[in-house]
Amino acid sequence: MGMKWKLKLAGIAALAVVAAGARATTLEITPVAEPRPGDVPHYASDCARLFARTEWRPKRSPRTVLEDTYAWILANEDSVLPTLVNS
């Protein structure tokens, strides 16, 4: 009940390429042998308990969230990109 959308990293990457439109045609995901500090080995959210206890429901799809995030990054490119590039 709580997992309407199931996304793996490859699916999120594909949605990100769609959101980027003409600015990105491919997105390479290169596996790393060892986990890095801050890596999350597995992440899953199931909102079934939340839905059972509240009337809250997501109103936006993962694609819409990624498109909105990408638009925000573009609108704030001068302050966001240096942070991402220098990490």
C-alpha atoms as a PDB file:
ATOM      1  CA  MET A   1       0.000   0.000   0.000  1.00  0.00           C
ATOM      2  CA  GLY A   2       2.699   2.478   0.941  1.00  0.00           C
ATOM      3  CA  MET A   3       5.043   1.894  -1.972  1.00  0.00           C
ATOM      4  CA  LYS A   4       3.340   3.310  -5.037  1.00  0.00           C
ATOM      5  CA  TRP A   5       6.694   4.153  -6.597  1.00  0.00           C
ATOM      6  CA  LYS A   6       9.725   1.911  -6.446  1.00  0.00           C
ATOM      7  CA  LEU A   7      12.892   3.475  -7.786  1.00  0.00           C
ATOM      8  CA  LYS A   8      16.413   2.160  -8.115  1.00  0.00           C
ATOM      9  CA  LEU A   9      19.406   4.394  -8.758  1.00  0.00           C
ATOM     10  CA  ALA A  10      19.313   3.597 -12.478  1.00  0.00           C
ATOM     11  CA  GLY A  11      15.659   4.667 -12.623  1.00  0.00           C
ATOM     12  CA  ILE A  12      16.389   7.909 -10.825  1.00  0.00           C
ATOM     13  CA  ALA A  13      19.311   8.537 -13.193  1.00  0.00           C
ATOM     14  CA  ALA A  14      17.043   7.970 -16.202  1.00  0.00           C
ATOM     15  CA  LEU A  15      14.496  10.438 -14.805  1.00  0.00           C
ATOM     16  CA  ALA A  16      17.290  12.949 -14.200  1.00  0.00           C
ATOM     17  CA  VAL A  17      18.373  12.714 -17.839  1.00  0.00           C
ATOM     18  CA  VAL A  18      14.763  13.312 -18.938  1.00  0.00           C
ATOM     19  CA  ALA A  19      14.498  16.290 -16.582  1.00  0.00           C
ATOM     20  CA  ALA A  20      17.736  17.743 -17.966  1.00  0.00           C
ATOM     21  CA  GLY A  21      16.432  17.468 -21.526  1.00  0.00           C
ATOM     22  CA  ALA A  22      18.881  18.594 -24.180  1.00  0.00           C
ATOM     23  CA  ARG A  23      21.538  19.465 -21.589  1.00  0.00           C
ATOM     24  CA  ALA A  24      22.228  15.800 -20.843  1.00  0.00           C
ATOM     25  CA  THR A  25      21.981  12.820 -23.156  1.00  0.00           C
ATOM     26  CA  THR A  26      23.677  10.183 -21.027  1.00  0.00           C
ATOM     27  CA  LEU A  27      24.508   9.692 -17.404  1.00  0.00           C
ATOM     28  CA  GLU A  28      27.265   7.271 -16.518  1.00  0.00           C
ATOM     29  CA  ILE A  29      27.009   5.515 -13.173  1.00  0.00           C
ATOM     30  CA  THR A  30      30.304   3.930 -12.257  1.00  0.00           C
ATOM     31  CA  PRO A  31      30.241   1.446  -9.387  1.00  0.00           C
ATOM     32  CA  VAL A  32      32.882   1.789  -6.702  1.00  0.00           C
ATOM     33  CA  ALA A  33      34.445  -1.216  -5.013  1.00  0.00           C
ATOM     34  CA  GLU A  34      34.331   0.128  -1.472  1.00  0.00           C
ATOM     35  CA  PRO A  35      31.655   2.226   0.220  1.00  0.00           C
ATOM     36  CA  ARG A  36      32.588   5.862   0.648  1.00  0.00           C
ATOM     37  CA  PRO A  37      31.917   7.933   3.765  1.00  0.00           C
ATOM     38  CA  GLY A  38      28.289   8.955   3.676  1.00  0.00           C
ATOM     39  CA  ASP A  39      27.199   6.244   1.212  1.00  0.00           C
ATOM     40  CA  VAL A  40      23.865   4.668   2.063  1.00  0.00           C
ATOM     41  CA  PRO A  41      24.115   0.935   1.269  1.00  0.00           C
ATOM     42  CA  HIS A  42      20.352   0.474   1.013  1.00  0.00           C
ATOM     43  CA  TYR A  43      17.479   2.849   1.361  1.00  0.00           C
ATOM     44  CA  ALA A  44      13.798   2.034   1.211  1.00  0.00           C
ATOM     45  CA  SER A  45      10.798   4.011   2.343  1.00  0.00           C
ATOM     46  CA  ASP A  46       7.410   2.483   2.877  1.00  0.00           C
ATOM     47  CA  CYS A  47       4.721   4.985   3.752  1.00  0.00           C
ATOM     48  CA  ALA A  48       2.079   2.382   4.675  1.00  0.00           C
ATOM     49  CA  ARG A  49       2.144   3.252   8.399  1.00  0.00           C
ATOM     50  CA  LEU A  50       2.040   6.973   7.662  1.00  0.00           C
ATOM     51  CA  PHE A  51      -0.890   6.471   5.277  1.00  0.00           C
ATOM     52  CA  ALA A  52      -2.714   4.329   7.840  1.00  0.00           C
ATOM     53  CA  ARG A  53      -2.413   7.025  10.503  1.00  0.00           C
ATOM     54  CA  THR A  54      -2.879  10.204   8.448  1.00  0.00           C
ATOM     55  CA  GLU A  55      -4.619  11.517   5.380  1.00  0.00           C
ATOM     56  CA  TRP A  56      -1.338  12.693   3.830  1.00  0.00           C
ATOM     57  CA  ARG A  57      -0.604  11.380   0.341  1.00  0.00           C
ATOM     58  CA  PRO A  58       2.141  12.448  -2.072  1.00  0.00           C
ATOM     59  CA  LYS A  59       0.855  14.847  -4.686  1.00  0.00           C
ATOM     60  CA  ARG A  60       3.907  14.856  -6.937  1.00  0.00           C
ATOM     61  CA  SER A  61       5.534  12.003  -8.803  1.00  0.00           C
ATOM     62  CA  PRO A  62       9.271  11.248  -8.559  1.00  0.00           C
ATOM     63  CA  ARG A  63       9.654  12.642 -12.093  1.00  0.00           C
ATOM     64  CA  THR A  64       8.002  15.933 -11.101  1.00  0.00           C
ATOM     65  CA  VAL A  65      10.217  16.197  -8.009  1.00  0.00           C
ATOM     66  CA  LEU A  66      13.360  15.652 -10.114  1.00  0.00           C
ATOM     67  CA  GLU A  67      12.198  18.145 -12.750  1.00  0.00           C
ATOM     68  CA  ASP A  68      11.500  20.746 -10.050  1.00  0.00           C
ATOM     69  CA  THR A  69      14.876  20.061  -8.414  1.00  0.00           C
ATOM     70  CA  TYR A  70      16.674  20.433 -11.732  1.00  0.00           C
ATOM     71  CA  ALA A  71      14.842  23.694 -12.471  1.00  0.00           C
ATOM     72  CA  TRP A  72      15.831  24.990  -9.024  1.00  0.00           C
ATOM     73  CA  ILE A  73      19.480  24.049  -9.640  1.00  0.00           C
ATOM     74  CA  LEU A  74      19.432  25.905 -12.973  1.00  0.00           C
ATOM     75  CA  ALA A  75      17.822  28.950 -11.368  1.00  0.00           C
ATOM     76  CA  ASN A  76      20.506  28.924  -8.649  1.00  0.00           C
ATOM     77  CA  GLU A  77      23.382  27.670 -10.784  1.00  0.00           C
ATOM     78  CA  ASP A  78      25.880  30.335  -9.715  1.00  0.00           C
ATOM     79  CA  SER A  79      25.694  29.320  -6.067  1.00  0.00           C
ATOM     80  CA  VAL A  80      24.925  25.602  -6.416  1.00  0.00           C
ATOM     81  CA  LEU A  81      27.367  24.350  -9.050  1.00  0.00           C
ATOM     82  CA  PRO A  82      30.582  25.469  -7.330  1.00  0.00           C
ATOM     83  CA  THR A  83      29.468  23.499  -4.279  1.00  0.00           C
ATOM     84  CA  LEU A  84      28.784  20.372  -6.328  1.00  0.00           C
ATOM     85  CA  VAL A  85      31.950  20.622  -8.427  1.00  0.00           C
ATOM     86  CA  ASN A  86      34.259  21.235  -5.464  1.00  0.00           C
ATOM     87  CA  SER A  87      32.917  18.437  -3.268  1.00  0.00           C
END
